């Protein structure tokens, strides 16, 4: 994977990998908390949430590299647009995973409605963004 020139810049800095991993973990925890508030059995959603996050994270990195670094698109507009797309894709994948059609009967997910899946995805991604922006800010502020 490191030999792939599309992914190399995104993976080149270990600090970025740590921030991404922590923010992804925070996103999963926030999504599980939202599911609990919705009265859902969270245990059936852990594996689908991890798989969904990994599935959307890699294309997000590739798109950022292609659109911003190589094509010169506006950084803020591109990232906001890609994040909105990720929210929609994750909501659709979460809804599909909750139907039992993706992770078979091993997953004890209860069917999520469209609004619920969108709420969970939005909340999780907002937390992820806050963590990914907050960690560098806290580190710079502590210097």
C-alpha atoms as a PDB file:
ATOM      1  CA  UNK A   1       0.000   0.000   0.000  1.00  0.00           C
ATOM      2  CA  UNK A   2       2.835   2.399   0.744  1.00  0.00           C
ATOM      3  CA  UNK A   3       4.145   1.895  -2.782  1.00  0.00           C
ATOM      4  CA  UNK A   4       0.925   3.261  -4.268  1.00  0.00           C
ATOM      5  CA  UNK A   5       1.746   6.843  -5.311  1.00  0.00           C
ATOM      6  CA  UNK A   6      -1.837   7.977  -4.742  1.00  0.00           C
ATOM      7  CA  UNK A   7      -1.843   6.995  -1.060  1.00  0.00           C
ATOM      8  CA  UNK A   8       1.786   7.705  -0.232  1.00  0.00           C
ATOM      9  CA  UNK A   9       1.358  11.405   0.638  1.00  0.00           C
ATOM     10  CA  UNK A  10      -1.564  10.698   2.970  1.00  0.00           C
ATOM     11  CA  UNK A  11       0.356   7.946   4.752  1.00  0.00           C
ATOM     12  CA  UNK A  12       3.777   9.600   4.693  1.00  0.00           C
ATOM     13  CA  UNK A  13       3.446  11.369   8.024  1.00  0.00           C
ATOM     14  CA  UNK A  14       2.840   9.043  11.010  1.00  0.00           C
ATOM     15  CA  UNK A  15       1.347  11.996  12.891  1.00  0.00           C
ATOM     16  CA  UNK A  16      -1.465  12.156  10.314  1.00  0.00           C
ATOM     17  CA  UNK A  17      -2.130   8.439  10.710  1.00  0.00           C
ATOM     18  CA  UNK A  18      -2.370   8.822  14.501  1.00  0.00           C
ATOM     19  CA  UNK A  19      -4.757  11.780  14.197  1.00  0.00           C
ATOM     20  CA  UNK A  20      -6.895   9.916  11.667  1.00  0.00           C
ATOM     21  CA  UNK A  21      -6.994   6.785  13.850  1.00  0.00           C
ATOM     22  CA  UNK A  22      -7.967   8.713  16.975  1.00  0.00           C
ATOM     23  CA  UNK A  23     -10.626  10.698  15.122  1.00  0.00           C
ATOM     24  CA  UNK A  24     -12.008   7.508  13.566  1.00  0.00           C
ATOM     25  CA  UNK A  25     -12.207   5.940  17.021  1.00  0.00           C
ATOM     26  CA  UNK A  26     -13.972   9.037  18.340  1.00  0.00           C
ATOM     27  CA  UNK A  27     -16.418   8.863  15.425  1.00  0.00           C
ATOM     28  CA  UNK A  28     -17.271   5.249  16.230  1.00  0.00           C
ATOM     29  CA  UNK A  29     -17.735   6.011  19.942  1.00  0.00           C
ATOM     30  CA  UNK A  30     -19.978   8.991  19.102  1.00  0.00           C
ATOM     31  CA  UNK A  31     -22.034   6.896  16.678  1.00  0.00           C
ATOM     32  CA  UNK A  32     -22.450   4.180  19.301  1.00  0.00           C
ATOM     33  CA  UNK A  33     -23.532   6.799  21.851  1.00  0.00           C
ATOM     34  CA  UNK A  34     -26.087   8.164  19.373  1.00  0.00           C
ATOM     35  CA  UNK A  35     -27.401   4.653  18.774  1.00  0.00           C
ATOM     36  CA  UNK A  36     -27.750   4.153  22.529  1.00  0.00           C
ATOM     37  CA  UNK A  37     -29.719   7.409  22.796  1.00  0.00           C
ATOM     38  CA  UNK A  38     -31.967   6.092  20.005  1.00  0.00           C
ATOM     39  CA  UNK A  39     -32.583   2.974  22.099  1.00  0.00           C
ATOM     40  CA  UNK A  40     -30.633   0.633  19.823  1.00  0.00           C
ATOM     41  CA  UNK A  41     -28.547  -2.379  20.814  1.00  0.00           C
ATOM     42  CA  UNK A  42     -25.086  -0.977  20.152  1.00  0.00           C
ATOM     43  CA  UNK A  43     -23.206  -4.272  20.272  1.00  0.00           C
ATOM     44  CA  UNK A  44     -24.451  -5.254  16.829  1.00  0.00           C
ATOM     45  CA  UNK A  45     -23.169  -2.032  15.325  1.00  0.00           C
ATOM     46  CA  UNK A  46     -19.503  -2.122  16.389  1.00  0.00           C
ATOM     47  CA  UNK A  47     -18.179  -4.229  13.495  1.00  0.00           C
ATOM     48  CA  UNK A  48     -20.329  -2.496  10.844  1.00  0.00           C
ATOM     49  CA  UNK A  49     -19.210   0.940  12.091  1.00  0.00           C
ATOM     50  CA  UNK A  50     -15.533  -0.034  11.938  1.00  0.00           C
ATOM     51  CA  UNK A  51     -15.939  -1.497   8.457  1.00  0.00           C
ATOM     52  CA  UNK A  52     -17.922   1.510   7.228  1.00  0.00           C
ATOM     53  CA  UNK A  53     -15.365   3.972   8.569  1.00  0.00           C
ATOM     54  CA  UNK A  54     -12.411   2.173   7.005  1.00  0.00           C
ATOM     55  CA  UNK A  55     -14.356   1.807   3.748  1.00  0.00           C
ATOM     56  CA  UNK A  56     -14.990   5.550   3.482  1.00  0.00           C
ATOM     57  CA  UNK A  57     -11.724   6.778   4.989  1.00  0.00           C
ATOM     58  CA  UNK A  58      -9.379   5.472   2.282  1.00  0.00           C
ATOM     59  CA  UNK A  59     -11.368   6.889  -0.685  1.00  0.00           C
ATOM     60  CA  UNK A  60     -11.601  10.174   1.243  1.00  0.00           C
ATOM     61  CA  UNK A  61      -7.785  10.334   1.484  1.00  0.00           C
ATOM     62  CA  UNK A  62      -7.384   9.475  -2.184  1.00  0.00           C
ATOM     63  CA  UNK A  63      -9.951  12.112  -3.200  1.00  0.00           C
ATOM     64  CA  UNK A  64      -8.230  14.770  -1.095  1.00  0.00           C
ATOM     65  CA  UNK A  65      -4.886  13.942  -2.673  1.00  0.00           C
ATOM     66  CA  UNK A  66      -6.285  13.990  -6.203  1.00  0.00           C
ATOM     67  CA  UNK A  67      -8.510  17.039  -5.886  1.00  0.00           C
ATOM     68  CA  UNK A  68      -6.476  19.338  -3.666  1.00  0.00           C
ATOM     69  CA  UNK A  69      -2.817  18.423  -3.983  1.00  0.00           C
ATOM     70  CA  UNK A  70      -2.803  17.446  -7.645  1.00  0.00           C
ATOM     71  CA  UNK A  71      -5.672  19.415  -9.193  1.00  0.00           C
ATOM     72  CA  UNK A  72      -5.451  22.548  -7.068  1.00  0.00           C
ATOM     73  CA  UNK A  73      -9.085  22.655  -5.961  1.00  0.00           C
ATOM     74  CA  UNK A  74      -9.969  24.963  -3.067  1.00  0.00           C
ATOM     75  CA  UNK A  75      -9.057  23.177   0.169  1.00  0.00           C
ATOM     76  CA  UNK A  76     -11.997  24.192   2.378  1.00  0.00           C
ATOM     77  CA  UNK A  77     -14.718  23.780  -0.255  1.00  0.00           C
ATOM     78  CA  UNK A  78     -13.354  20.407  -1.349  1.00  0.00           C
ATOM     79  CA  UNK A  79     -13.050  19.041   2.185  1.00  0.00           C
ATOM     80  CA  UNK A  80     -16.549  20.231   3.125  1.00  0.00           C
ATOM     81  CA  UNK A  81     -17.993  18.681  -0.033  1.00  0.00           C
ATOM     82  CA  UNK A  82     -16.168  15.407   0.527  1.00  0.00           C
ATOM     83  CA  UNK A  83     -17.253  15.290   4.181  1.00  0.00           C
ATOM     84  CA  UNK A  84     -20.887  15.791   3.162  1.00  0.00           C
ATOM     85  CA  UNK A  85     -20.512  12.966   0.664  1.00  0.00           C
ATOM     86  CA  UNK A  86     -18.963  10.747   3.353  1.00  0.00           C
ATOM     87  CA  UNK A  87     -21.896  11.473   5.700  1.00  0.00           C
ATOM     88  CA  UNK A  88     -24.382  10.422   3.031  1.00  0.00           C
ATOM     89  CA  UNK A  89     -22.441   7.304   2.022  1.00  0.00           C
ATOM     90  CA  UNK A  90     -21.904   6.246   5.647  1.00  0.00           C
ATOM     91  CA  UNK A  91     -25.597   6.785   6.427  1.00  0.00           C
ATOM     92  CA  UNK A  92     -26.587   4.595   3.474  1.00  0.00           C
ATOM     93  CA  UNK A  93     -24.056   1.908   4.451  1.00  0.00           C
ATOM     94  CA  UNK A  94     -25.153   2.022   8.094  1.00  0.00           C
ATOM     95  CA  UNK A  95     -28.795   1.640   7.098  1.00  0.00           C
ATOM     96  CA  UNK A  96     -27.904  -1.255   4.806  1.00  0.00           C
ATOM     97  CA  UNK A  97     -25.773  -2.890   7.491  1.00  0.00           C
ATOM     98  CA  UNK A  98     -28.631  -2.584   9.980  1.00  0.00           C
ATOM     99  CA  UNK A  99     -30.893  -4.495   7.603  1.00  0.00           C
ATOM    100  CA  UNK A 100     -28.742  -7.609   8.046  1.00  0.00           C
ATOM    101  CA  UNK A 101     -28.008  -7.829   4.321  1.00  0.00           C
ATOM    102  CA  UNK A 102     -24.349  -6.909   4.714  1.00  0.00           C
ATOM    103  CA  UNK A 103     -23.078  -8.596   7.871  1.00  0.00           C
ATOM    104  CA  UNK A 104     -25.532 -11.546   7.884  1.00  0.00           C
ATOM    105  CA  UNK A 105     -27.106 -12.837  11.073  1.00  0.00           C
ATOM    106  CA  UNK A 106     -23.952 -12.430  13.177  1.00  0.00           C
ATOM    107  CA  UNK A 107     -24.786  -8.751  13.445  1.00  0.00           C
ATOM    108  CA  UNK A 108     -27.529  -8.001  15.947  1.00  0.00           C
ATOM    109  CA  UNK A 109     -28.385  -4.639  14.414  1.00  0.00           C
ATOM    110  CA  UNK A 110     -31.903  -3.312  14.514  1.00  0.00           C
ATOM    111  CA  UNK A 111     -33.121  -1.718  11.294  1.00  0.00           C
ATOM    112  CA  UNK A 112     -32.381   1.996  11.220  1.00  0.00           C
ATOM    113  CA  UNK A 113     -34.602   4.478   9.455  1.00  0.00           C
ATOM    114  CA  UNK A 114     -33.117   6.965   7.001  1.00  0.00           C
ATOM    115  CA  UNK A 115     -33.270   9.831   9.490  1.00  0.00           C
ATOM    116  CA  UNK A 116     -31.689   7.748  12.241  1.00  0.00           C
ATOM    117  CA  UNK A 117     -28.851   6.593   9.994  1.00  0.00           C
ATOM    118  CA  UNK A 118     -28.272  10.170   8.800  1.00  0.00           C
ATOM    119  CA  UNK A 119     -28.294  11.454  12.385  1.00  0.00           C
ATOM    120  CA  UNK A 120     -25.799   8.818  13.541  1.00  0.00           C
ATOM    121  CA  UNK A 121     -23.538   9.436  10.544  1.00  0.00           C
ATOM    122  CA  UNK A 122     -23.684  13.224  10.907  1.00  0.00           C
ATOM    123  CA  UNK A 123     -22.966  13.174  14.636  1.00  0.00           C
ATOM    124  CA  UNK A 124     -20.102  10.717  14.240  1.00  0.00           C
ATOM    125  CA  UNK A 125     -18.510  12.734  11.446  1.00  0.00           C
ATOM    126  CA  UNK A 126     -18.851  16.021  13.337  1.00  0.00           C
ATOM    127  CA  UNK A 127     -17.042  14.477  16.298  1.00  0.00           C
ATOM    128  CA  UNK A 128     -14.395  13.065  13.963  1.00  0.00           C
ATOM    129  CA  UNK A 129     -13.808  16.480  12.390  1.00  0.00           C
ATOM    130  CA  UNK A 130     -13.640  18.163  15.793  1.00  0.00           C
ATOM    131  CA  UNK A 131     -11.083  15.650  17.054  1.00  0.00           C
ATOM    132  CA  UNK A 132      -8.977  15.787  13.896  1.00  0.00           C
ATOM    133  CA  UNK A 133      -8.861  19.593  14.102  1.00  0.00           C
ATOM    134  CA  UNK A 134      -8.581  19.709  17.882  1.00  0.00           C
ATOM    135  CA  UNK A 135      -5.551  17.466  18.350  1.00  0.00           C
ATOM    136  CA  UNK A 136      -3.161  19.596  16.259  1.00  0.00           C
ATOM    137  CA  UNK A 137      -4.611  22.771  17.775  1.00  0.00           C
ATOM    138  CA  UNK A 138      -4.059  21.471  21.318  1.00  0.00           C
ATOM    139  CA  UNK A 139      -0.526  20.370  20.478  1.00  0.00           C
ATOM    140  CA  UNK A 140       0.323  23.738  18.938  1.00  0.00           C
ATOM    141  CA  UNK A 141      -1.264  25.615  21.849  1.00  0.00           C
ATOM    142  CA  UNK A 142       0.788  23.639  24.361  1.00  0.00           C
ATOM    143  CA  UNK A 143       4.090  24.711  22.785  1.00  0.00           C
END
